[in-house]
């Protein structure tokens, strides 16, 4: 069993990642409260995930796992993409980002989109393992549901027609989400 320290300080991501990783047999440790924020300055999801994982290895000496996730909307040329969490500004809330997305899209017919999550595991010796998961869907006309976080209220996955991710139970979401798909790819990637 591998011990992993989480790089995320986001309580929603912490809950999701811990539930899935522990189910996969990992021992998961929360990000220490004395570890500062890591500037996500990379131009790619992979780059940002690796920045965060390396920072946690440096701070803790433990094997670290980090993610970076983006929502890629076809009609917006792939935006918000790597800047999803900061789409409406550096201090934007989830709601601010959702409102900006819906305004940018208007009521146009083309609403196809995908979530992509990159998971990076970095070992104290510098070894890196990177996996990815994605989820195809479309952007709803208005937010629906009270679960999830981020863009979940406006993202309807093709696997759950007519329901946004925010309308799914945590267990349903954890069986098919982009983050779950990436995390479930970890055991075989780590043993390769």
N, C-alpha and C. Protein backbone atom coordinates (compact mmCIF):
# COMPACT_ATOMS: atom_id res chain seq x y z
N UNK A 1 0.85 -1.19 0.00
CA UNK A 1 0.00 0.00 0.00
C UNK A 1 0.89 1.24 0.00
N UNK A 2 0.58 2.18 -0.87
CA UNK A 2 1.36 3.41 -0.99
C UNK A 2 0.69 4.52 -0.18
N UNK A 3 1.50 5.26 0.57
CA UNK A 3 1.03 6.47 1.25
C UNK A 3 1.17 7.63 0.29
N UNK A 4 0.12 8.42 0.15
CA UNK A 4 0.13 9.59 -0.72
C UNK A 4 -0.31 10.81 0.06
N UNK A 5 0.37 11.93 -0.15
CA UNK A 5 -0.10 13.19 0.41
C UNK A 5 -0.77 13.97 -0.72
N UNK A 6 -1.94 14.50 -0.43
CA UNK A 6 -2.69 15.27 -1.42
C UNK A 6 -2.11 16.66 -1.57
N UNK A 7 -1.99 17.13 -2.78
CA UNK A 7 -1.50 18.49 -3.03
C UNK A 7 -2.63 19.51 -2.96
N UNK A 8 -3.86 19.06 -3.15
CA UNK A 8 -4.98 20.01 -3.20
C UNK A 8 -5.36 20.49 -1.80
N UNK A 9 -5.73 21.78 -1.75
CA UNK A 9 -6.29 22.35 -0.53
C UNK A 9 -7.79 22.55 -0.68
N UNK A 10 -8.32 22.24 -1.86
CA UNK A 10 -9.75 22.38 -2.13
C UNK A 10 -10.51 21.28 -1.39
N UNK A 11 -11.39 21.63 -0.46
CA UNK A 11 -12.06 20.59 0.32
C UNK A 11 -12.93 19.65 -0.51
N UNK A 12 -13.52 20.15 -1.60
CA UNK A 12 -14.34 19.29 -2.46
C UNK A 12 -13.47 18.25 -3.17
N UNK A 13 -12.35 18.72 -3.74
CA UNK A 13 -11.44 17.79 -4.41
C UNK A 13 -10.83 16.80 -3.41
N UNK A 14 -10.49 17.30 -2.22
CA UNK A 14 -9.93 16.43 -1.19
C UNK A 14 -10.89 15.28 -0.89
N UNK A 15 -12.16 15.61 -0.72
CA UNK A 15 -13.16 14.59 -0.39
C UNK A 15 -13.28 13.57 -1.53
N UNK A 16 -13.40 14.06 -2.76
CA UNK A 16 -13.53 13.16 -3.92
C UNK A 16 -12.30 12.28 -4.09
N UNK A 17 -11.12 12.91 -4.05
CA UNK A 17 -9.89 12.16 -4.29
C UNK A 17 -9.64 11.14 -3.19
N UNK A 18 -9.86 11.54 -1.94
CA UNK A 18 -9.66 10.60 -0.83
C UNK A 18 -10.57 9.39 -0.96
N UNK A 19 -11.84 9.62 -1.27
CA UNK A 19 -12.80 8.52 -1.39
C UNK A 19 -12.36 7.52 -2.46
N UNK A 20 -11.95 8.03 -3.60
CA UNK A 20 -11.56 7.14 -4.71
C UNK A 20 -10.23 6.46 -4.43
N UNK A 21 -9.23 7.23 -3.98
CA UNK A 21 -7.91 6.65 -3.73
C UNK A 21 -7.93 5.60 -2.63
N UNK A 22 -8.68 5.86 -1.57
CA UNK A 22 -8.76 4.86 -0.50
C UNK A 22 -9.45 3.60 -0.98
N UNK A 23 -10.45 3.75 -1.82
CA UNK A 23 -11.13 2.60 -2.42
C UNK A 23 -10.15 1.78 -3.27
N UNK A 24 -9.16 2.46 -3.86
CA UNK A 24 -8.16 1.79 -4.68
C UNK A 24 -7.01 1.20 -3.86
N UNK A 25 -7.05 1.41 -2.53
CA UNK A 25 -6.05 0.80 -1.67
C UNK A 25 -4.90 1.70 -1.24
N UNK A 26 -4.98 2.99 -1.53
CA UNK A 26 -3.94 3.92 -1.10
C UNK A 26 -4.26 4.45 0.30
N UNK A 27 -3.22 4.79 1.06
CA UNK A 27 -3.39 5.52 2.31
C UNK A 27 -3.20 6.99 1.97
N UNK A 28 -4.19 7.81 2.26
CA UNK A 28 -4.19 9.20 1.82
C UNK A 28 -4.03 10.13 3.01
N UNK A 29 -3.10 11.06 2.87
CA UNK A 29 -2.84 12.06 3.90
C UNK A 29 -3.22 13.43 3.36
N UNK A 30 -3.86 14.25 4.18
CA UNK A 30 -4.25 15.57 3.70
C UNK A 30 -3.04 16.48 3.53
N UNK A 31 -3.22 17.47 2.71
CA UNK A 31 -2.17 18.48 2.54
C UNK A 31 -1.95 19.17 3.88
N UNK A 32 -0.71 19.25 4.35
CA UNK A 32 -0.45 19.94 5.62
C UNK A 32 -0.87 21.40 5.55
N UNK A 33 -1.44 21.89 6.62
CA UNK A 33 -1.97 23.26 6.63
C UNK A 33 -0.88 24.32 6.52
N UNK A 34 0.36 23.96 6.83
CA UNK A 34 1.43 24.95 6.75
C UNK A 34 2.07 25.04 5.37
N UNK A 35 1.57 24.27 4.40
CA UNK A 35 2.09 24.34 3.04
C UNK A 35 1.31 25.43 2.28
N UNK A 36 2.04 26.39 1.77
CA UNK A 36 1.40 27.51 1.07
C UNK A 36 0.86 27.12 -0.29
N UNK A 37 0.13 28.04 -0.89
CA UNK A 37 -0.42 27.82 -2.22
C UNK A 37 0.71 27.72 -3.25
N UNK A 38 0.47 26.95 -4.28
CA UNK A 38 1.42 26.81 -5.38
C UNK A 38 0.86 27.60 -6.56
N UNK A 39 1.66 28.49 -7.10
CA UNK A 39 1.23 29.26 -8.27
C UNK A 39 1.14 28.33 -9.48
N UNK A 40 -0.02 28.30 -10.09
CA UNK A 40 -0.25 27.46 -11.27
C UNK A 40 0.11 28.27 -12.51
N UNK A 41 1.40 28.28 -12.81
CA UNK A 41 1.92 29.13 -13.88
C UNK A 41 2.16 28.38 -15.19
N UNK A 42 1.95 27.08 -15.19
CA UNK A 42 2.19 26.29 -16.41
C UNK A 42 1.07 26.55 -17.43
N UNK A 43 1.39 26.29 -18.67
CA UNK A 43 0.43 26.50 -19.76
C UNK A 43 -0.44 25.28 -20.01
N UNK A 44 -0.19 24.18 -19.28
CA UNK A 44 -0.95 22.95 -19.49
C UNK A 44 -1.43 22.38 -18.16
N UNK A 45 -2.44 21.52 -18.24
CA UNK A 45 -2.91 20.83 -17.04
C UNK A 45 -1.80 19.97 -16.45
N UNK A 46 -1.09 19.26 -17.32
CA UNK A 46 0.01 18.40 -16.85
C UNK A 46 1.07 19.22 -16.12
N UNK A 47 1.42 20.34 -16.69
CA UNK A 47 2.43 21.20 -16.06
C UNK A 47 2.02 21.68 -14.69
N UNK A 48 0.76 22.10 -14.54
CA UNK A 48 0.28 22.57 -13.25
C UNK A 48 0.19 21.44 -12.23
N UNK A 49 -0.25 20.26 -12.65
CA UNK A 49 -0.32 19.12 -11.73
C UNK A 49 1.08 18.76 -11.24
N UNK A 50 2.05 18.78 -12.14
CA UNK A 50 3.42 18.46 -11.74
C UNK A 50 4.00 19.53 -10.82
N UNK A 51 3.72 20.81 -11.08
CA UNK A 51 4.18 21.87 -10.18
C UNK A 51 3.68 21.63 -8.76
N UNK A 52 2.40 21.31 -8.64
CA UNK A 52 1.81 21.11 -7.31
C UNK A 52 2.37 19.87 -6.64
N UNK A 53 2.51 18.78 -7.38
CA UNK A 53 3.03 17.55 -6.79
C UNK A 53 4.48 17.73 -6.32
N UNK A 54 5.31 18.36 -7.14
CA UNK A 54 6.71 18.60 -6.75
C UNK A 54 6.79 19.48 -5.51
N UNK A 55 5.92 20.48 -5.42
CA UNK A 55 5.93 21.36 -4.25
C UNK A 55 5.60 20.58 -2.98
N UNK A 56 4.66 19.65 -3.07
CA UNK A 56 4.29 18.86 -1.88
C UNK A 56 5.38 17.86 -1.51
N UNK A 57 6.04 17.29 -2.50
CA UNK A 57 7.17 16.40 -2.19
C UNK A 57 8.25 17.20 -1.46
N UNK A 58 8.56 18.39 -1.94
CA UNK A 58 9.57 19.23 -1.31
C UNK A 58 9.19 19.60 0.12
N UNK A 59 7.91 19.86 0.34
CA UNK A 59 7.44 20.29 1.66
C UNK A 59 7.32 19.14 2.65
N UNK A 60 7.04 17.93 2.15
CA UNK A 60 6.72 16.82 3.07
C UNK A 60 7.69 15.64 3.00
N UNK A 61 8.39 15.49 1.89
CA UNK A 61 9.23 14.32 1.71
C UNK A 61 8.45 13.06 1.40
N UNK A 62 7.16 13.18 1.18
CA UNK A 62 6.28 12.04 0.89
C UNK A 62 5.96 11.98 -0.61
N UNK A 63 5.48 10.82 -1.05
CA UNK A 63 4.95 10.70 -2.40
C UNK A 63 3.71 11.59 -2.48
N UNK A 64 3.65 12.45 -3.48
CA UNK A 64 2.54 13.41 -3.58
C UNK A 64 1.71 13.14 -4.81
N UNK A 65 0.40 13.41 -4.66
CA UNK A 65 -0.52 13.29 -5.79
C UNK A 65 -1.22 14.64 -5.95
N UNK A 66 -1.25 15.11 -7.20
CA UNK A 66 -1.87 16.40 -7.51
C UNK A 66 -2.71 16.26 -8.76
N UNK A 67 -3.69 17.13 -8.87
CA UNK A 67 -4.50 17.13 -10.09
C UNK A 67 -4.60 18.54 -10.62
N UNK A 68 -4.89 18.64 -11.88
CA UNK A 68 -5.34 19.89 -12.47
C UNK A 68 -6.44 19.51 -13.45
N UNK A 69 -7.50 20.28 -13.41
CA UNK A 69 -8.68 19.97 -14.21
C UNK A 69 -9.09 21.20 -15.00
N UNK A 70 -9.55 20.97 -16.20
CA UNK A 70 -10.05 22.06 -17.02
C UNK A 70 -11.32 21.66 -17.73
N UNK A 71 -12.15 22.65 -17.97
CA UNK A 71 -13.36 22.48 -18.78
C UNK A 71 -13.06 23.09 -20.14
N UNK A 72 -13.22 22.29 -21.18
CA UNK A 72 -12.89 22.72 -22.54
C UNK A 72 -14.17 22.77 -23.36
N UNK A 73 -14.60 23.97 -23.72
CA UNK A 73 -15.86 24.18 -24.43
C UNK A 73 -15.56 24.45 -25.91
N UNK A 74 -16.10 23.62 -26.78
CA UNK A 74 -15.78 23.70 -28.21
C UNK A 74 -16.12 25.06 -28.81
N UNK A 75 -17.30 25.60 -28.52
CA UNK A 75 -17.72 26.87 -29.12
C UNK A 75 -16.87 28.05 -28.65
N UNK A 76 -16.12 27.87 -27.56
CA UNK A 76 -15.25 28.93 -27.04
C UNK A 76 -13.78 28.65 -27.35
N UNK A 77 -13.54 27.80 -28.35
CA UNK A 77 -12.17 27.50 -28.75
C UNK A 77 -11.38 26.78 -27.67
N UNK A 78 -12.07 26.01 -26.83
CA UNK A 78 -11.40 25.26 -25.78
C UNK A 78 -11.31 25.99 -24.45
N UNK A 79 -11.82 27.19 -24.38
CA UNK A 79 -11.82 27.90 -23.10
C UNK A 79 -12.94 27.38 -22.23
N UNK A 80 -12.89 27.52 -20.94
CA UNK A 80 -11.84 28.18 -20.16
C UNK A 80 -10.55 27.38 -20.02
N UNK A 81 -10.56 26.07 -20.31
CA UNK A 81 -9.35 25.27 -20.35
C UNK A 81 -8.52 25.29 -19.09
N UNK A 82 -7.23 25.51 -19.26
CA UNK A 82 -6.30 25.46 -18.13
C UNK A 82 -6.59 26.58 -17.12
N UNK A 83 -7.32 27.60 -17.51
CA UNK A 83 -7.66 28.71 -16.61
C UNK A 83 -9.07 28.57 -16.03
N UNK A 84 -9.61 27.38 -16.01
CA UNK A 84 -10.99 27.16 -15.57
C UNK A 84 -11.30 27.73 -14.19
N UNK A 85 -10.42 27.53 -13.23
CA UNK A 85 -10.68 28.01 -11.87
C UNK A 85 -10.59 29.53 -11.77
N UNK A 86 -9.94 30.16 -12.73
CA UNK A 86 -9.73 31.61 -12.71
C UNK A 86 -10.36 32.29 -13.93
N UNK A 87 -11.34 31.64 -14.52
CA UNK A 87 -11.94 32.12 -15.77
C UNK A 87 -12.51 33.53 -15.63
N UNK A 88 -13.17 33.82 -14.54
CA UNK A 88 -13.78 35.14 -14.32
C UNK A 88 -12.86 36.05 -13.50
N UNK A 89 -11.61 35.65 -13.30
CA UNK A 89 -10.67 36.48 -12.55
C UNK A 89 -9.95 35.67 -11.49
N UNK A 90 -8.85 36.22 -11.00
CA UNK A 90 -8.00 35.50 -10.04
C UNK A 90 -8.72 35.13 -8.76
N UNK A 91 -9.68 35.93 -8.33
CA UNK A 91 -10.39 35.64 -7.07
C UNK A 91 -11.83 35.19 -7.33
N UNK A 92 -12.10 34.70 -8.51
CA UNK A 92 -13.46 34.31 -8.90
C UNK A 92 -13.96 33.15 -8.06
N UNK A 93 -15.25 33.18 -7.78
CA UNK A 93 -15.92 32.06 -7.12
C UNK A 93 -16.41 31.09 -8.20
N UNK A 94 -16.83 29.90 -7.77
CA UNK A 94 -17.41 28.95 -8.72
C UNK A 94 -18.57 29.60 -9.47
N UNK A 95 -19.42 30.31 -8.74
CA UNK A 95 -20.59 30.95 -9.36
C UNK A 95 -20.16 32.00 -10.38
N UNK A 96 -19.14 32.80 -10.06
CA UNK A 96 -18.64 33.80 -11.00
C UNK A 96 -18.23 33.14 -12.31
N UNK A 97 -17.52 32.02 -12.21
CA UNK A 97 -17.04 31.31 -13.40
C UNK A 97 -18.20 30.75 -14.22
N UNK A 98 -19.19 30.20 -13.54
CA UNK A 98 -20.35 29.64 -14.23
C UNK A 98 -21.12 30.75 -14.95
N UNK A 99 -21.33 31.86 -14.27
CA UNK A 99 -22.06 32.99 -14.88
C UNK A 99 -21.32 33.48 -16.13
N UNK A 100 -20.00 33.65 -16.03
CA UNK A 100 -19.24 34.11 -17.19
C UNK A 100 -19.35 33.12 -18.34
N UNK A 101 -19.25 31.82 -18.03
CA UNK A 101 -19.36 30.80 -19.07
C UNK A 101 -20.70 30.88 -19.78
N UNK A 102 -21.79 30.98 -19.02
CA UNK A 102 -23.12 31.02 -19.62
C UNK A 102 -23.32 32.29 -20.45
N UNK A 103 -22.79 33.40 -19.99
CA UNK A 103 -22.89 34.65 -20.76
C UNK A 103 -22.10 34.53 -22.06
N UNK A 104 -20.89 33.98 -21.98
CA UNK A 104 -20.06 33.82 -23.18
C UNK A 104 -20.73 32.91 -24.22
N UNK A 105 -21.38 31.86 -23.74
CA UNK A 105 -22.04 30.92 -24.65
C UNK A 105 -23.35 31.46 -25.20
N UNK A 106 -24.03 32.29 -24.43
CA UNK A 106 -25.35 32.76 -24.84
C UNK A 106 -26.29 31.58 -24.97
N UNK A 107 -27.19 31.65 -25.91
CA UNK A 107 -28.13 30.55 -26.10
C UNK A 107 -27.83 29.80 -27.38
N UNK A 108 -26.59 29.89 -27.83
CA UNK A 108 -26.18 29.19 -29.04
C UNK A 108 -26.42 27.69 -28.94
N UNK A 109 -26.54 27.06 -30.07
CA UNK A 109 -26.86 25.63 -30.10
C UNK A 109 -25.66 24.75 -29.79
N UNK A 110 -24.43 25.19 -30.15
CA UNK A 110 -23.23 24.37 -29.96
C UNK A 110 -22.76 24.47 -28.52
N UNK A 111 -23.01 23.43 -27.73
CA UNK A 111 -22.67 23.47 -26.31
C UNK A 111 -21.79 22.29 -25.90
N UNK A 112 -21.20 21.60 -26.88
CA UNK A 112 -20.37 20.44 -26.54
C UNK A 112 -19.13 20.88 -25.77
N UNK A 113 -18.74 20.03 -24.82
CA UNK A 113 -17.60 20.35 -23.96
C UNK A 113 -17.06 19.06 -23.36
N UNK A 114 -15.91 19.18 -22.73
CA UNK A 114 -15.34 18.03 -22.02
C UNK A 114 -14.56 18.54 -20.82
N UNK A 115 -14.61 17.75 -19.78
CA UNK A 115 -13.74 17.95 -18.63
C UNK A 115 -12.51 17.08 -18.85
N UNK A 116 -11.34 17.60 -18.57
CA UNK A 116 -10.10 16.82 -18.58
C UNK A 116 -9.40 17.00 -17.24
N UNK A 117 -9.01 15.89 -16.66
CA UNK A 117 -8.23 15.92 -15.42
C UNK A 117 -6.91 15.21 -15.66
N UNK A 118 -5.85 15.85 -15.23
CA UNK A 118 -4.53 15.24 -15.24
C UNK A 118 -4.12 15.02 -13.78
N UNK A 119 -3.73 13.80 -13.47
CA UNK A 119 -3.23 13.45 -12.14
C UNK A 119 -1.74 13.20 -12.25
N UNK A 120 -0.98 13.84 -11.38
CA UNK A 120 0.47 13.62 -11.33
C UNK A 120 0.85 13.06 -9.97
N UNK A 121 1.66 12.02 -9.99
CA UNK A 121 2.25 11.47 -8.77
C UNK A 121 3.75 11.68 -8.89
N UNK A 122 4.33 12.28 -7.85
CA UNK A 122 5.77 12.52 -7.84
C UNK A 122 6.34 11.88 -6.58
N UNK A 123 7.43 11.15 -6.78
CA UNK A 123 8.13 10.47 -5.69
C UNK A 123 9.28 11.35 -5.19
N UNK A 124 9.72 11.14 -3.96
CA UNK A 124 10.85 11.92 -3.44
C UNK A 124 12.13 11.79 -4.27
N UNK A 125 12.28 10.69 -5.00
CA UNK A 125 13.47 10.54 -5.85
C UNK A 125 13.32 11.25 -7.20
N UNK A 126 12.19 11.93 -7.42
CA UNK A 126 11.96 12.69 -8.64
C UNK A 126 11.17 11.97 -9.71
N UNK A 127 10.90 10.67 -9.51
CA UNK A 127 10.12 9.94 -10.52
C UNK A 127 8.72 10.53 -10.62
N UNK A 128 8.23 10.64 -11.85
CA UNK A 128 6.91 11.22 -12.11
C UNK A 128 6.05 10.21 -12.87
N UNK A 129 4.79 10.15 -12.47
CA UNK A 129 3.80 9.35 -13.19
C UNK A 129 2.61 10.27 -13.45
N UNK A 130 2.16 10.31 -14.70
CA UNK A 130 1.05 11.19 -15.08
C UNK A 130 -0.01 10.36 -15.80
N UNK A 131 -1.27 10.54 -15.39
CA UNK A 131 -2.40 9.89 -16.05
C UNK A 131 -3.47 10.95 -16.31
N UNK A 132 -4.40 10.60 -17.19
CA UNK A 132 -5.45 11.56 -17.56
C UNK A 132 -6.79 10.88 -17.64
N UNK A 133 -7.83 11.63 -17.35
CA UNK A 133 -9.20 11.16 -17.52
C UNK A 133 -10.02 12.27 -18.15
N UNK A 134 -10.99 11.90 -18.95
CA UNK A 134 -11.84 12.93 -19.56
C UNK A 134 -13.30 12.47 -19.54
N UNK A 135 -14.18 13.45 -19.68
CA UNK A 135 -15.61 13.19 -19.66
C UNK A 135 -16.26 14.12 -20.67
N UNK A 136 -16.92 13.54 -21.66
CA UNK A 136 -17.59 14.31 -22.71
C UNK A 136 -19.00 14.69 -22.26
N UNK A 137 -19.46 15.84 -22.70
CA UNK A 137 -20.81 16.27 -22.37
C UNK A 137 -21.16 17.57 -23.05
N UNK A 138 -22.07 18.29 -22.42
CA UNK A 138 -22.47 19.59 -22.97
C UNK A 138 -22.83 20.52 -21.83
N UNK A 139 -22.83 21.81 -22.14
CA UNK A 139 -23.13 22.84 -21.16
C UNK A 139 -24.64 23.09 -21.16
N UNK A 140 -25.25 22.97 -20.00
CA UNK A 140 -26.69 23.21 -19.85
C UNK A 140 -26.99 24.71 -20.02
N UNK A 141 -28.25 25.02 -20.30
CA UNK A 141 -28.64 26.42 -20.47
C UNK A 141 -28.64 27.20 -19.16
N UNK A 142 -28.82 26.47 -18.05
CA UNK A 142 -28.84 27.11 -16.72
C UNK A 142 -28.37 26.09 -15.69
N UNK A 143 -27.86 26.55 -14.57
CA UNK A 143 -27.41 25.63 -13.52
C UNK A 143 -28.56 24.78 -12.99
N UNK A 144 -28.22 23.50 -12.70
CA UNK A 144 -29.20 22.58 -12.10
C UNK A 144 -28.48 21.69 -11.11
N UNK A 145 -29.14 21.45 -9.98
CA UNK A 145 -28.60 20.54 -8.98
C UNK A 145 -27.87 21.28 -7.87
N UNK A 146 -27.74 20.60 -6.75
CA UNK A 146 -27.13 21.23 -5.57
C UNK A 146 -25.86 20.52 -5.13
N UNK A 147 -25.45 19.48 -5.83
CA UNK A 147 -24.23 18.76 -5.46
C UNK A 147 -23.04 19.26 -6.24
N UNK A 148 -21.91 18.63 -6.00
CA UNK A 148 -20.71 18.94 -6.76
C UNK A 148 -20.17 20.33 -6.47
N UNK A 149 -19.32 20.80 -7.36
CA UNK A 149 -18.66 22.10 -7.21
C UNK A 149 -18.16 22.54 -8.58
N UNK A 150 -17.62 23.73 -8.64
CA UNK A 150 -17.09 24.23 -9.91
C UNK A 150 -18.19 24.36 -10.96
N UNK A 151 -17.94 23.77 -12.12
CA UNK A 151 -18.88 23.85 -13.24
C UNK A 151 -19.90 22.71 -13.22
N UNK A 152 -19.90 21.87 -12.19
CA UNK A 152 -20.81 20.73 -12.13
C UNK A 152 -22.28 21.09 -12.39
N UNK A 153 -22.78 22.23 -11.89
CA UNK A 153 -24.20 22.54 -12.12
C UNK A 153 -24.58 22.80 -13.58
N UNK A 154 -23.59 23.04 -14.44
CA UNK A 154 -23.92 23.31 -15.84
C UNK A 154 -23.32 22.28 -16.81
N UNK A 155 -22.69 21.23 -16.28
CA UNK A 155 -22.10 20.22 -17.16
C UNK A 155 -22.94 18.95 -17.11
N UNK A 156 -23.54 18.62 -18.26
CA UNK A 156 -24.33 17.40 -18.39
C UNK A 156 -23.50 16.40 -19.19
N UNK A 157 -23.06 15.34 -18.52
CA UNK A 157 -22.23 14.33 -19.18
C UNK A 157 -23.05 13.50 -20.15
N UNK A 158 -22.44 13.08 -21.23
CA UNK A 158 -23.12 12.19 -22.19
C UNK A 158 -23.55 10.89 -21.51
N UNK A 159 -22.80 10.49 -20.47
CA UNK A 159 -23.12 9.25 -19.75
C UNK A 159 -24.35 9.37 -18.85
N UNK A 160 -24.77 10.60 -18.58
CA UNK A 160 -25.94 10.84 -17.71
C UNK A 160 -26.87 11.83 -18.40
N UNK A 161 -27.46 11.45 -19.53
CA UNK A 161 -28.25 12.40 -20.32
C UNK A 161 -29.33 13.10 -19.49
N UNK A 162 -29.39 14.42 -19.69
CA UNK A 162 -30.42 15.20 -19.01
C UNK A 162 -30.10 15.57 -17.58
N UNK A 163 -28.98 15.10 -17.05
CA UNK A 163 -28.62 15.41 -15.66
C UNK A 163 -27.23 16.04 -15.62
N UNK A 164 -27.11 17.11 -14.86
CA UNK A 164 -25.80 17.70 -14.68
C UNK A 164 -25.04 16.92 -13.60
N UNK A 165 -23.74 17.14 -13.52
CA UNK A 165 -22.95 16.47 -12.49
C UNK A 165 -23.43 16.87 -11.09
N UNK A 166 -23.98 18.07 -10.96
CA UNK A 166 -24.49 18.53 -9.66
C UNK A 166 -25.79 17.83 -9.27
N UNK A 167 -26.41 17.12 -10.21
CA UNK A 167 -27.64 16.37 -9.93
C UNK A 167 -27.36 14.91 -9.58
N UNK A 168 -26.09 14.52 -9.61
CA UNK A 168 -25.71 13.14 -9.28
C UNK A 168 -25.35 13.03 -7.81
N UNK A 169 -25.52 11.85 -7.26
CA UNK A 169 -25.04 11.61 -5.90
C UNK A 169 -23.51 11.55 -5.95
N UNK A 170 -22.84 11.77 -4.82
CA UNK A 170 -21.38 11.67 -4.82
C UNK A 170 -20.90 10.30 -5.31
N UNK A 171 -21.60 9.23 -4.94
CA UNK A 171 -21.21 7.90 -5.39
C UNK A 171 -21.34 7.75 -6.91
N UNK A 172 -22.44 8.28 -7.47
CA UNK A 172 -22.61 8.23 -8.94
C UNK A 172 -21.49 8.99 -9.63
N UNK A 173 -21.21 10.18 -9.14
CA UNK A 173 -20.18 11.00 -9.76
C UNK A 173 -18.82 10.31 -9.66
N UNK A 174 -18.53 9.71 -8.52
CA UNK A 174 -17.23 9.07 -8.31
C UNK A 174 -17.04 7.80 -9.13
N UNK A 175 -18.09 7.29 -9.75
CA UNK A 175 -17.91 6.12 -10.60
C UNK A 175 -17.59 6.49 -12.04
N UNK A 176 -17.90 7.75 -12.45
CA UNK A 176 -17.75 8.06 -13.87
C UNK A 176 -17.14 9.42 -14.20
N UNK A 177 -16.80 10.20 -13.21
CA UNK A 177 -16.29 11.54 -13.51
C UNK A 177 -14.90 11.49 -14.14
N UNK A 178 -14.50 12.59 -14.71
CA UNK A 178 -13.18 12.77 -15.30
C UNK A 178 -12.09 12.52 -14.26
N UNK A 179 -12.28 13.03 -13.05
CA UNK A 179 -11.29 12.84 -11.98
C UNK A 179 -11.23 11.37 -11.57
N UNK A 180 -12.40 10.73 -11.47
CA UNK A 180 -12.44 9.30 -11.11
C UNK A 180 -11.74 8.47 -12.17
N UNK A 181 -11.96 8.79 -13.44
CA UNK A 181 -11.32 8.03 -14.52
C UNK A 181 -9.80 8.16 -14.46
N UNK A 182 -9.32 9.36 -14.18
CA UNK A 182 -7.87 9.54 -14.07
C UNK A 182 -7.32 8.81 -12.86
N UNK A 183 -7.99 8.93 -11.72
CA UNK A 183 -7.50 8.26 -10.52
C UNK A 183 -7.52 6.75 -10.65
N UNK A 184 -8.52 6.21 -11.33
CA UNK A 184 -8.60 4.76 -11.50
C UNK A 184 -7.51 4.23 -12.44
N UNK A 185 -6.90 5.12 -13.22
CA UNK A 185 -5.80 4.71 -14.08
C UNK A 185 -4.46 4.66 -13.33
N UNK A 186 -4.45 5.19 -12.11
CA UNK A 186 -3.19 5.26 -11.36
C UNK A 186 -2.58 3.90 -11.01
N UNK A 187 -3.33 2.95 -10.43
CA UNK A 187 -2.67 1.72 -10.00
C UNK A 187 -1.85 1.04 -11.09
N UNK A 188 -2.40 0.92 -12.30
CA UNK A 188 -1.64 0.25 -13.36
C UNK A 188 -0.48 1.11 -13.82
N UNK A 189 -0.65 2.44 -13.83
CA UNK A 189 0.45 3.33 -14.23
C UNK A 189 1.58 3.29 -13.23
N UNK A 190 1.25 3.19 -11.95
CA UNK A 190 2.28 3.16 -10.91
C UNK A 190 3.04 1.86 -10.88
N UNK A 191 2.40 0.79 -11.33
CA UNK A 191 3.07 -0.51 -11.32
C UNK A 191 3.84 -0.80 -12.61
N UNK A 192 3.74 0.09 -13.58
CA UNK A 192 4.42 -0.10 -14.87
C UNK A 192 5.90 0.17 -14.76
